[in-house]
Protein backbone atom coordinates (compact mmCIF):
# COMPACT_ATOMS: atom_id res chain seq x y z
CA UNK A 1 92.18 -57.58 -0.39
CA UNK A 2 88.87 -57.01 1.40
CA UNK A 3 87.92 -57.32 5.04
CA UNK A 4 85.24 -59.14 6.96
CA UNK A 5 82.68 -57.42 9.20
CA UNK A 6 85.06 -57.85 12.14
CA UNK A 7 87.76 -56.05 10.23
CA UNK A 8 89.99 -59.11 9.74
CA UNK A 9 91.63 -59.33 6.35
CA UNK A 10 90.04 -61.71 3.85
CA UNK A 11 90.88 -62.74 0.33
CA UNK A 12 88.72 -61.12 -2.35
CA UNK A 13 86.06 -63.57 -3.51
CA UNK A 14 84.78 -63.81 -7.07
CA UNK A 15 81.04 -63.19 -7.13
CA UNK A 16 79.30 -66.37 -8.32
CA UNK A 17 77.30 -66.43 -11.53
CA UNK A 18 73.59 -66.85 -10.95
CA UNK A 19 71.30 -69.47 -12.49
CA UNK A 20 69.07 -68.00 -15.16
CA UNK A 21 65.88 -68.21 -13.10
CA UNK A 22 67.53 -66.48 -10.16
CA UNK A 23 68.43 -63.56 -12.45
CA UNK A 24 64.81 -63.68 -13.63
CA UNK A 25 63.42 -63.53 -10.06
CA UNK A 26 65.61 -60.54 -9.19
CA UNK A 27 63.98 -58.56 -12.00
CA UNK A 28 60.45 -59.99 -12.00
CA UNK A 29 58.93 -57.10 -10.05
CA UNK A 30 59.75 -54.83 -12.97
CA UNK A 31 56.89 -56.50 -14.85
CA UNK A 32 54.34 -55.07 -12.43
CA UNK A 33 56.06 -51.71 -12.05
CA UNK A 34 56.03 -51.23 -15.80
CA UNK A 35 52.45 -52.49 -16.00
CA UNK A 36 51.59 -49.50 -13.83
CA UNK A 37 53.90 -47.15 -15.75
CA UNK A 38 52.33 -48.24 -19.04
CA UNK A 39 48.82 -47.51 -17.78
CA UNK A 40 49.99 -44.10 -16.65
CA UNK A 41 51.89 -43.30 -19.84
CA UNK A 42 49.03 -44.30 -22.14
CA UNK A 43 46.19 -42.82 -20.08
CA UNK A 44 47.38 -39.94 -17.87
CA UNK A 45 46.99 -37.35 -20.66
CA UNK A 46 43.59 -38.84 -21.47
CA UNK A 47 42.52 -38.65 -17.81
CA UNK A 48 43.82 -35.12 -17.30
CA UNK A 49 42.16 -33.92 -20.52
CA UNK A 50 38.87 -35.46 -19.41
CA UNK A 51 39.28 -33.71 -16.06
CA UNK A 52 39.74 -30.33 -17.80
CA UNK A 53 43.44 -29.81 -18.61
CA UNK A 54 44.25 -27.72 -21.73
CA UNK A 55 46.27 -29.38 -24.50
CA UNK A 56 49.30 -27.08 -24.21
CA UNK A 57 49.22 -27.38 -20.39
CA UNK A 58 49.41 -31.19 -20.32
CA UNK A 59 53.20 -31.22 -20.18
CA UNK A 60 53.11 -29.04 -17.05
CA UNK A 61 51.04 -31.68 -15.25
CA UNK A 62 53.46 -34.33 -16.42
CA UNK A 63 56.39 -32.40 -14.97
CA UNK A 64 55.68 -33.97 -11.59
CA UNK A 65 56.95 -37.30 -12.94
CA UNK A 66 60.59 -36.30 -13.56
CA UNK A 67 60.54 -33.97 -10.55
CA UNK A 68 59.65 -36.87 -8.29
CA UNK A 69 62.45 -38.90 -9.85
CA UNK A 70 64.91 -36.05 -9.42
CA UNK A 71 64.06 -35.68 -5.72
CA UNK A 72 63.31 -39.24 -4.69
CA UNK A 73 65.81 -41.47 -6.47
CA UNK A 74 69.09 -40.04 -5.10
CA UNK A 75 67.63 -40.00 -1.57
CA UNK A 76 66.36 -43.57 -1.82
CA UNK A 77 69.58 -44.69 -3.52
CA UNK A 78 71.73 -43.25 -0.76
CA UNK A 79 69.45 -44.64 1.96
CA UNK A 80 69.43 -48.14 0.47
CA UNK A 81 73.24 -48.06 0.20
CA UNK A 82 73.33 -47.50 3.97
CA UNK A 83 70.63 -50.05 4.86
CA UNK A 84 71.38 -53.53 6.14
CA UNK A 85 68.38 -55.23 7.77
CA UNK A 86 67.02 -58.74 8.21
CA UNK A 87 64.56 -57.90 5.43
CA UNK A 88 67.37 -57.05 3.01
CA UNK A 89 69.11 -53.99 1.68
CA UNK A 90 66.93 -52.93 -1.25
CA UNK A 91 63.79 -55.04 -0.70
CA UNK A 92 62.17 -52.85 2.03
CA UNK A 93 62.23 -49.80 -0.26
CA UNK A 94 60.94 -51.78 -3.22
CA UNK A 95 57.97 -53.11 -1.23
CA UNK A 96 57.06 -49.77 0.38
CA UNK A 97 57.16 -47.98 -2.97
CA UNK A 98 54.94 -50.62 -4.59
CA UNK A 99 52.27 -50.27 -1.89
CA UNK A 100 52.21 -46.46 -2.25
CA UNK A 101 52.09 -46.70 -6.07
CA UNK A 102 49.16 -49.11 -5.92
CA UNK A 103 47.22 -46.68 -3.71
CA UNK A 104 47.90 -43.82 -6.15
CA UNK A 105 46.69 -45.94 -9.07
CA UNK A 106 43.47 -46.76 -7.26
CA UNK A 107 42.70 -43.11 -6.41
CA UNK A 108 43.76 -41.16 -9.55
CA UNK A 109 40.95 -42.18 -11.96
CA UNK A 110 38.39 -41.52 -9.22
CA UNK A 111 39.12 -37.80 -9.10
CA UNK A 112 35.53 -37.00 -10.11
CA UNK A 113 34.29 -38.42 -6.80
CA UNK A 114 36.01 -35.73 -4.73
CA UNK A 115 34.61 -32.75 -6.61
CA UNK A 116 32.90 -31.50 -3.42
CA UNK A 117 36.26 -31.25 -1.64
CA UNK A 118 38.86 -30.48 -4.29
CA UNK A 119 38.90 -29.75 -8.03
CA UNK A 120 39.11 -33.10 -9.88
CA UNK A 121 41.92 -31.84 -12.16
CA UNK A 122 43.99 -30.82 -9.10
CA UNK A 123 43.29 -34.12 -7.37
CA UNK A 124 44.34 -36.00 -10.50
CA UNK A 125 47.60 -34.04 -10.58
CA UNK A 126 48.27 -34.81 -6.91
CA UNK A 127 47.65 -38.53 -7.46
CA UNK A 128 49.94 -38.46 -10.51
CA UNK A 129 52.65 -36.98 -8.28
CA UNK A 130 52.05 -39.66 -5.62
CA UNK A 131 52.22 -42.44 -8.20
CA UNK A 132 55.42 -41.15 -9.70
CA UNK A 133 57.08 -40.64 -6.32
CA UNK A 134 56.16 -44.21 -5.38
CA UNK A 135 57.25 -45.64 -8.75
CA UNK A 136 60.63 -43.99 -8.22
CA UNK A 137 60.94 -45.32 -4.66
CA UNK A 138 60.39 -48.78 -6.14
CA UNK A 139 62.39 -48.43 -9.36
CA UNK A 140 65.70 -47.09 -8.06
CA UNK A 141 66.42 -49.93 -5.60
CA UNK A 142 65.43 -52.41 -8.33
CA UNK A 143 68.18 -51.03 -10.58
CA UNK A 144 70.68 -51.26 -7.72
CA UNK A 145 69.45 -54.76 -6.76
CA UNK A 146 70.42 -56.09 -10.19
CA UNK A 147 73.86 -54.50 -9.83
CA UNK A 148 74.20 -55.98 -6.32
CA UNK A 149 73.15 -59.52 -7.15
CA UNK A 150 74.34 -60.04 -10.73
CA UNK A 151 78.11 -60.33 -11.41
CA UNK A 152 79.72 -58.09 -14.02
CA UNK A 153 79.91 -60.72 -16.76
CA UNK A 154 76.15 -61.30 -16.48
CA UNK A 155 75.14 -57.61 -16.34
CA UNK A 156 74.05 -57.33 -19.96
CA UNK A 157 72.01 -60.52 -19.53
CA UNK A 158 70.51 -59.18 -16.30
CA UNK A 159 69.50 -55.84 -17.74
CA UNK A 160 68.21 -57.51 -20.91
CA UNK A 161 65.93 -59.77 -18.84
CA UNK A 162 64.87 -56.67 -16.96
CA UNK A 163 64.06 -54.97 -20.26
CA UNK A 164 62.11 -58.05 -21.43
CA UNK A 165 59.98 -58.13 -18.27
CA UNK A 166 59.43 -54.39 -18.38
CA UNK A 167 58.10 -54.63 -21.89
CA UNK A 168 55.91 -57.67 -21.26
CA UNK A 169 54.31 -55.69 -18.43
CA UNK A 170 53.99 -52.67 -20.70
CA UNK A 171 52.25 -54.66 -23.45
CA UNK A 172 49.46 -55.83 -21.18
CA UNK A 173 49.28 -52.58 -19.22
CA UNK A 174 48.94 -50.52 -22.40
CA UNK A 175 46.28 -52.79 -23.92
CA UNK A 176 44.17 -53.20 -20.80
CA UNK A 177 41.68 -50.32 -21.33
CA UNK A 178 41.18 -51.45 -24.94
CA UNK A 179 40.54 -55.03 -23.78
CA UNK A 180 38.11 -53.91 -21.10
CA UNK A 181 36.15 -51.96 -23.73
CA UNK A 182 36.25 -54.26 -26.75
CA UNK A 183 36.30 -57.67 -25.05
CA UNK A 184 34.66 -57.15 -21.66
CA UNK A 185 32.29 -54.39 -22.84
CA UNK A 186 33.02 -51.51 -20.46
CA UNK A 187 32.26 -47.98 -21.70
CA UNK A 188 35.28 -45.99 -22.97
CA UNK A 189 33.62 -42.59 -23.34
CA UNK A 190 33.45 -39.77 -20.82
CA UNK A 191 32.15 -36.26 -20.35
CA UNK A 192 34.17 -33.32 -18.99
CA UNK A 193 35.15 -33.88 -15.38
CA UNK A 194 34.75 -37.66 -15.59
CA UNK A 195 36.95 -40.65 -16.40
CA UNK A 196 35.81 -43.55 -18.60
CA UNK A 197 34.85 -46.72 -16.65
CA UNK A 198 37.26 -48.83 -18.73
CA UNK A 199 40.18 -46.65 -17.56
CA UNK A 200 39.08 -46.75 -13.92
CA UNK A 201 38.96 -50.55 -13.85
CA UNK A 202 42.25 -50.80 -15.75
CA UNK A 203 43.95 -48.86 -12.96
CA UNK A 204 42.44 -51.15 -10.30
CA UNK A 205 43.78 -54.22 -12.10
CA UNK A 206 47.16 -52.54 -12.64
CA UNK A 207 47.53 -51.85 -8.92
CA UNK A 208 46.91 -55.55 -8.18
CA UNK A 209 49.45 -56.76 -10.76
CA UNK A 210 52.03 -54.27 -9.47
CA UNK A 211 51.80 -55.51 -5.89
CA UNK A 212 51.77 -59.18 -6.87
CA UNK A 213 54.91 -59.06 -9.02
CA UNK A 214 56.87 -56.98 -6.51
CA UNK A 215 55.97 -59.44 -3.75
CA UNK A 216 57.34 -62.24 -5.97
CA UNK A 217 60.75 -60.54 -6.22
CA UNK A 218 60.85 -59.58 -2.53
CA UNK A 219 60.11 -63.10 -1.31
CA UNK A 220 62.09 -64.98 -3.97
CA UNK A 221 65.30 -62.92 -3.77
CA UNK A 222 67.61 -63.38 -0.81
CA UNK A 223 70.04 -60.49 -0.79
CA UNK A 224 73.66 -61.03 0.17
CA UNK A 225 74.70 -60.47 3.77
CA UNK A 226 77.08 -57.53 4.44
CA UNK A 227 79.95 -60.00 4.79
CA UNK A 228 79.24 -61.68 1.45
CA UNK A 229 78.55 -58.40 -0.36
CA UNK A 230 81.76 -56.76 0.86
CA UNK A 231 83.79 -59.81 -0.11
CA UNK A 232 82.29 -60.02 -3.61
CA UNK A 233 82.69 -56.29 -4.23
CA UNK A 234 86.15 -55.94 -2.68
CA UNK A 235 84.98 -53.43 -0.04
CA UNK A 236 86.92 -52.67 3.15
CA UNK A 237 84.15 -53.49 5.63
CA UNK A 238 85.80 -51.80 8.61
CA UNK A 239 86.31 -48.54 6.74
CA UNK A 240 82.77 -48.69 5.34
CA UNK A 241 81.31 -49.29 8.82
CA UNK A 242 83.17 -46.23 10.09
CA UNK A 243 81.78 -44.10 7.26
CA UNK A 244 78.23 -45.29 7.89
CA UNK A 245 78.50 -44.67 11.65
CA UNK A 246 79.84 -41.15 11.18
CA UNK A 247 77.22 -38.51 11.92
CA UNK A 248 77.24 -35.63 9.48
CA UNK A 249 75.38 -32.34 9.38
CA UNK A 250 72.98 -31.55 6.55
CA UNK A 251 75.56 -29.17 5.09
CA UNK A 252 78.22 -31.89 5.18
CA UNK A 253 75.86 -34.33 3.50
CA UNK A 254 75.08 -31.81 0.77
CA UNK A 255 78.78 -31.16 0.29
CA UNK A 256 79.42 -34.91 0.04
CA UNK A 257 76.63 -35.30 -2.48
CA UNK A 258 77.95 -32.37 -4.51
CA UNK A 259 81.41 -33.95 -4.47
CA UNK A 260 79.96 -37.22 -5.77
CA UNK A 261 78.11 -35.29 -8.46
CA UNK A 262 81.22 -33.51 -9.71
CA UNK A 263 83.41 -36.60 -9.44
CA UNK A 264 81.07 -38.92 -11.30
CA UNK A 265 82.76 -41.35 -13.70
CA UNK A 266 83.50 -39.94 -17.15
CA UNK A 267 81.36 -42.65 -18.75
CA UNK A 268 78.40 -41.42 -16.72
CA UNK A 269 78.87 -37.83 -17.97
CA UNK A 270 79.05 -38.96 -21.58
CA UNK A 271 75.96 -41.13 -21.22
CA UNK A 272 74.14 -38.11 -19.80
CA UNK A 273 74.22 -36.46 -23.23
CA UNK A 274 72.66 -39.52 -24.86
CA UNK A 275 70.08 -39.69 -22.09
CA UNK A 276 69.17 -36.03 -22.59
CA UNK A 277 68.18 -36.46 -26.21
CA UNK A 278 66.44 -39.81 -25.83
CA UNK A 279 64.39 -38.95 -22.72
CA UNK A 280 63.41 -35.52 -24.11
CA UNK A 281 61.89 -37.44 -27.01
CA UNK A 282 60.23 -40.13 -24.89
CA UNK A 283 58.52 -37.51 -22.70
CA UNK A 284 56.98 -35.87 -25.77
CA UNK A 285 55.68 -39.24 -26.96
CA UNK A 286 54.00 -40.07 -23.63
CA UNK A 287 52.38 -36.65 -23.28
CA UNK A 288 51.27 -35.92 -26.85
CA UNK A 289 50.66 -39.19 -28.71
CA UNK A 290 46.98 -39.25 -27.70
CA UNK A 291 46.13 -35.74 -28.98
CA UNK A 292 48.45 -36.24 -31.98
CA UNK A 293 46.65 -39.29 -33.37
CA UNK A 294 43.22 -38.03 -32.27
CA UNK A 295 43.82 -34.97 -34.47
CA UNK A 296 45.94 -36.45 -37.27
CA UNK A 297 44.23 -39.83 -37.70
CA UNK A 298 40.71 -39.42 -36.31
CA UNK A 299 40.36 -35.84 -37.58
CA UNK A 300 39.26 -34.25 -34.28
CA UNK A 301 39.95 -30.51 -34.27
CA UNK A 302 42.35 -29.15 -31.65
CA UNK A 303 39.57 -27.00 -30.15
CA UNK A 304 38.10 -30.13 -28.56
CA UNK A 305 41.19 -30.22 -26.31
CA UNK A 306 40.69 -26.59 -25.23
CA UNK A 307 39.23 -26.20 -21.71
CA UNK A 308 37.75 -22.76 -22.46
CA UNK A 309 36.05 -23.95 -25.63
CA UNK A 310 34.63 -27.02 -23.90
CA UNK A 311 33.15 -24.76 -21.23
CA UNK A 312 31.13 -22.94 -23.92
CA UNK A 313 29.61 -26.06 -25.52
CA UNK A 314 28.52 -27.92 -22.40
CA UNK A 315 27.80 -31.44 -23.65
CA UNK A 316 30.50 -32.93 -25.89
CA UNK A 317 28.92 -34.20 -29.15
CA UNK A 318 28.59 -37.96 -29.25
CA UNK A 319 30.76 -38.39 -32.36
CA UNK A 320 33.59 -36.33 -30.81
CA UNK A 321 33.46 -38.28 -27.54
CA UNK A 322 33.46 -41.54 -29.50
CA UNK A 323 36.44 -40.47 -31.64
CA UNK A 324 38.44 -39.37 -28.59
CA UNK A 325 37.61 -42.62 -26.81
CA UNK A 326 38.58 -44.73 -29.82
CA UNK A 327 41.83 -42.80 -30.32
CA UNK A 328 42.66 -43.11 -26.63
CA UNK A 329 42.15 -46.88 -26.78
CA UNK A 330 44.26 -47.11 -29.95
CA UNK A 331 47.12 -45.32 -28.18
CA UNK A 332 47.08 -48.26 -25.78
CA UNK A 333 47.37 -50.62 -28.74
CA UNK A 334 50.31 -48.85 -30.39
CA UNK A 335 52.04 -48.42 -27.01
CA UNK A 336 51.54 -52.14 -26.45
CA UNK A 337 52.97 -52.73 -29.93
CA UNK A 338 56.19 -50.82 -29.25
CA UNK A 339 56.50 -52.63 -25.92
CA UNK A 340 55.99 -55.99 -27.65
CA UNK A 341 58.63 -55.19 -30.26
CA UNK A 342 60.91 -54.06 -27.42
CA UNK A 343 60.34 -57.31 -25.54
CA UNK A 344 61.20 -59.35 -28.65
CA UNK A 345 64.29 -57.27 -29.31
CA UNK A 346 65.33 -57.62 -25.65
CA UNK A 347 65.63 -61.39 -26.12
CA UNK A 348 68.27 -60.87 -28.82
CA UNK A 349 69.85 -57.75 -27.32
CA UNK A 350 72.49 -59.57 -25.29
CA UNK A 351 73.73 -61.53 -28.32
CA UNK A 352 73.62 -58.53 -30.65
CA UNK A 353 75.52 -56.30 -28.21
CA UNK A 354 78.05 -59.06 -27.60
CA UNK A 355 78.60 -59.53 -31.35
CA UNK A 356 78.60 -55.95 -32.65
CA UNK A 357 79.38 -54.01 -29.47
CA UNK A 358 77.21 -52.08 -27.05
CA UNK A 359 77.72 -48.67 -28.66
CA UNK A 360 76.82 -49.59 -32.27
CA UNK A 361 73.79 -51.52 -31.01
CA UNK A 362 72.69 -48.60 -28.85
CA UNK A 363 73.19 -45.98 -31.59
CA UNK A 364 71.37 -47.92 -34.32
CA UNK A 365 68.47 -48.58 -31.94
CA UNK A 366 68.03 -44.87 -31.20
CA UNK A 367 68.25 -44.03 -34.92
CA UNK A 368 65.43 -46.45 -35.72
CA UNK A 369 63.36 -44.91 -32.94
CA UNK A 370 63.87 -41.41 -34.30
CA UNK A 371 62.85 -42.47 -37.81
CA UNK A 372 59.78 -44.12 -36.30
CA UNK A 373 58.60 -40.88 -34.70
CA UNK A 374 59.14 -38.85 -37.85
CA UNK A 375 57.20 -41.39 -39.92
CA UNK A 376 54.04 -40.66 -37.89
CA UNK A 377 53.42 -37.93 -40.46
CA UNK A 378 52.83 -40.54 -43.17
CA UNK A 379 49.74 -42.01 -41.52
CA UNK A 380 46.73 -39.69 -41.64
CA UNK A 381 43.05 -40.54 -41.64
CA UNK A 382 42.16 -42.96 -44.41
CA UNK A 383 39.27 -45.34 -45.01
CA UNK A 384 37.73 -47.27 -42.15
CA UNK A 385 39.40 -50.67 -41.92
CA UNK A 386 38.38 -53.73 -39.93
CA UNK A 387 41.28 -55.11 -37.90
CA UNK A 388 41.46 -58.56 -36.30
CA UNK A 389 43.49 -58.31 -33.09
CA UNK A 390 42.92 -61.99 -32.19
CA UNK A 391 41.12 -61.04 -28.97
CA UNK A 392 38.56 -58.94 -30.86
CA UNK A 393 37.89 -57.09 -34.12
CA UNK A 394 37.74 -53.30 -34.36
CA UNK A 395 37.18 -50.76 -37.11
CA UNK A 396 39.72 -47.92 -37.31
CA UNK A 397 41.00 -45.50 -39.96
CA UNK A 398 43.72 -47.05 -42.13
CA UNK A 399 46.16 -44.46 -40.82
CA UNK A 400 45.72 -45.86 -37.31
CA UNK A 401 46.64 -49.34 -38.54
CA UNK A 402 49.69 -47.92 -40.33
CA UNK A 403 51.01 -46.51 -37.04
CA UNK A 404 51.98 -50.04 -36.00
CA UNK A 405 54.93 -49.83 -38.43
CA UNK A 406 56.75 -46.91 -36.72
CA UNK A 407 56.30 -48.73 -33.42
CA UNK A 408 58.90 -51.29 -34.53
CA UNK A 409 61.61 -48.62 -34.47
CA UNK A 410 60.26 -47.04 -31.29
CA UNK A 411 60.21 -50.45 -29.58
CA UNK A 412 63.81 -51.21 -30.56
CA UNK A 413 64.89 -47.82 -29.20
CA UNK A 414 62.96 -48.34 -25.97
CA UNK A 415 64.54 -51.77 -25.35
CA UNK A 416 68.01 -50.29 -25.81
CA UNK A 417 67.27 -47.28 -23.58
CA UNK A 418 66.15 -49.59 -20.78
CA UNK A 419 69.20 -51.84 -20.94
CA UNK A 420 72.27 -50.38 -22.65
CA UNK A 421 73.00 -47.27 -20.53
CA UNK A 422 72.85 -49.32 -17.33
CA UNK A 423 74.92 -52.16 -18.75
CA UNK A 424 77.58 -49.63 -19.81
CA UNK A 425 77.36 -47.57 -16.62
CA UNK A 426 77.31 -50.30 -13.97
CA UNK A 427 80.87 -51.42 -14.71
CA UNK A 428 82.24 -47.91 -14.10
CA UNK A 429 80.64 -47.36 -10.65
CA UNK A 430 82.26 -47.97 -7.23
CA UNK A 431 80.46 -50.90 -5.58
CA UNK A 432 79.94 -49.12 -2.24
CA UNK A 433 78.11 -46.23 -3.94
CA UNK A 434 76.16 -48.02 -6.66
CA UNK A 435 72.78 -47.02 -5.23
CA UNK A 436 73.52 -43.32 -4.87
CA UNK A 437 75.19 -43.13 -8.29
CA UNK A 438 72.24 -44.92 -9.90
CA UNK A 439 70.09 -42.29 -8.19
CA UNK A 440 72.27 -39.49 -9.50
CA UNK A 441 72.12 -41.07 -12.94
CA UNK A 442 68.38 -40.60 -12.76
CA UNK A 443 69.12 -36.86 -13.11
CA UNK A 444 69.92 -37.69 -16.73
CA UNK A 445 66.40 -39.09 -17.08
CA UNK A 446 64.56 -36.45 -15.06
CA UNK A 447 66.29 -33.27 -16.25
CA UNK A 448 65.48 -33.67 -19.99
CA UNK A 449 61.89 -34.51 -19.13
CA UNK A 450 61.57 -31.42 -16.94
CA UNK A 451 62.97 -29.26 -19.74
CA UNK A 452 60.66 -30.97 -22.22
CA UNK A 453 57.69 -30.29 -19.93
CA UNK A 454 58.58 -26.61 -19.75
CA UNK A 455 59.19 -25.99 -23.45
CA UNK A 456 57.07 -28.56 -25.32
CA UNK A 457 53.75 -26.88 -24.50
CA UNK A 458 54.83 -23.39 -25.65
CA UNK A 459 56.42 -24.91 -28.78
CA UNK A 460 53.23 -26.84 -29.55
CA UNK A 461 51.07 -23.74 -29.05
CA UNK A 462 53.32 -21.02 -30.50
CA UNK A 463 55.15 -22.84 -33.31
CA UNK A 464 52.85 -25.69 -34.33
CA UNK A 465 49.45 -24.09 -33.64
CA UNK A 466 48.42 -26.95 -31.31
CA UNK A 467 48.87 -29.51 -34.13
CA UNK A 468 50.34 -32.20 -31.93
CA UNK A 469 51.65 -34.39 -34.76
CA UNK A 470 54.53 -31.97 -35.34
CA UNK A 471 55.76 -32.19 -31.75
CA UNK A 472 56.07 -35.95 -32.32
CA UNK A 473 58.26 -35.23 -35.35
CA UNK A 474 60.42 -33.00 -33.14
CA UNK A 475 60.80 -35.97 -30.77
CA UNK A 476 62.20 -37.95 -33.70
CA UNK A 477 64.85 -35.31 -34.38
CA UNK A 478 65.97 -35.45 -30.75
CA UNK A 479 66.16 -39.25 -30.78
CA UNK A 480 68.44 -39.14 -33.85
CA UNK A 481 70.69 -36.62 -32.07
CA UNK A 482 70.87 -39.14 -29.22
CA UNK A 483 72.02 -41.82 -31.66
CA UNK A 484 74.84 -39.58 -32.88
CA UNK A 485 75.96 -38.77 -29.32
CA UNK A 486 76.41 -42.47 -28.45
CA UNK A 487 79.66 -42.51 -30.42
CA UNK A 488 81.18 -40.00 -27.97
CA UNK A 489 80.76 -42.41 -25.02
CA UNK A 490 83.81 -44.31 -23.81
CA UNK A 491 82.81 -47.52 -22.07
CA UNK A 492 84.98 -49.52 -19.64
CA UNK A 493 86.50 -52.76 -20.90
CA UNK A 494 84.72 -55.77 -19.37
CA UNK A 495 83.99 -59.34 -20.29
CA UNK A 496 80.38 -59.56 -21.50
CA UNK A 497 78.27 -62.68 -21.06
CA UNK A 498 76.95 -63.26 -24.57
CA UNK A 499 74.74 -66.23 -23.72
CA UNK A 500 71.17 -65.71 -24.79
CA UNK A 501 68.44 -66.37 -22.21
CA UNK A 502 67.66 -69.82 -23.63
CA UNK A 503 64.70 -70.65 -21.35
CA UNK A 504 62.86 -67.58 -22.66
CA UNK A 505 63.55 -68.52 -26.29
CA UNK A 506 62.31 -72.03 -25.61
């Protein structure tokens, strides 16, 4: 039994299944959010290096990303659980976060313009923190919105569509600087303290796409009223209203949060181990792929990533600047490739998980991702090869072209990481606390990234002598450990909707 807003008893109501395109609209804003994330992931290290950051210090700049998630997501999750307004429950947070993220994207690549007021490298770090805080304000309610609106038997479908849209956005976001250089003709080279024009304009376009897609979801998704939501989720509305009206001190709130943390569902704890290994690896990829392939494939010595060395040479030689620019653009291509492979795999993910089970699908996906990272070692330098990318032709070392192969495994792993943990987790969470628990679950994303940020730089410098390719191999080892840990997760028994998203296939 559940109760209405007035407290009168009401029969529990089965939450209706949604038409495909309504599930699509609920998740559509993820396309723009990931468009922005992809630009950041492929270009933040490039921007920070251009602004003067040392190679082994890059991970310390990137630490702001998981820190913002760790701080912001539980707060926003709890707040959105307690919000009922005429604008919706989750939508106000989604829209506010998107506006702030767009502003951060517009300002970050322009750090060189504020040199008279603040060091460009510091300004870039501050804007990276603002972007990540805003991305997290937007992302967390989006996760909870899918759980709110999509019934249990459609959850795998919902999160698979979400994964598809995320990766479509990532493909175009990752490729954008390359397109602006090789199709439009913008310059992709820079000197110390500056950012390439192609990257600056890519961030402007990304901010526009982010806002547009989020507005689509906000205006095309009508959230359930409190009465409907409580009926569908079997919540005692009178008791919930009393809890929300109760004023608690900060200490009491912290105690309540701590209690939630220690009483989290067992499935959530077990998934945390998988998340640790997989997100530790992903963080390494985002931070160090650019220097790794610049060194390993384009043959640029590690000293050209050293701030102190650059200060002694003044002007960067033209061939070094060109190689770094070309490698940075190619990172966008291979990141777009893994996102494309992830998007394709997302279409089949619902059917595969329904046929073989979520856990085997999840584990095999992570294994393929780990092998993909390790295989980076196989592709080094090589003869210059002309590549037709349909939109343009470029000449790159053969090793760069070979890196598209490992991206198949990385893309499959990424699709599974975006969908499977949430599909498994959402069925084990209490409906009245979905937002806050989704926020707490973000600890399992943020914590391994924070640890990776703290230790990856010293490992790269002290163990691998700043040869970044070997830190990518280490990421592969961690991803394989994640695959093994999947088999220790116990998932709740639910009916899974195994229908493929036919309109997308068509």
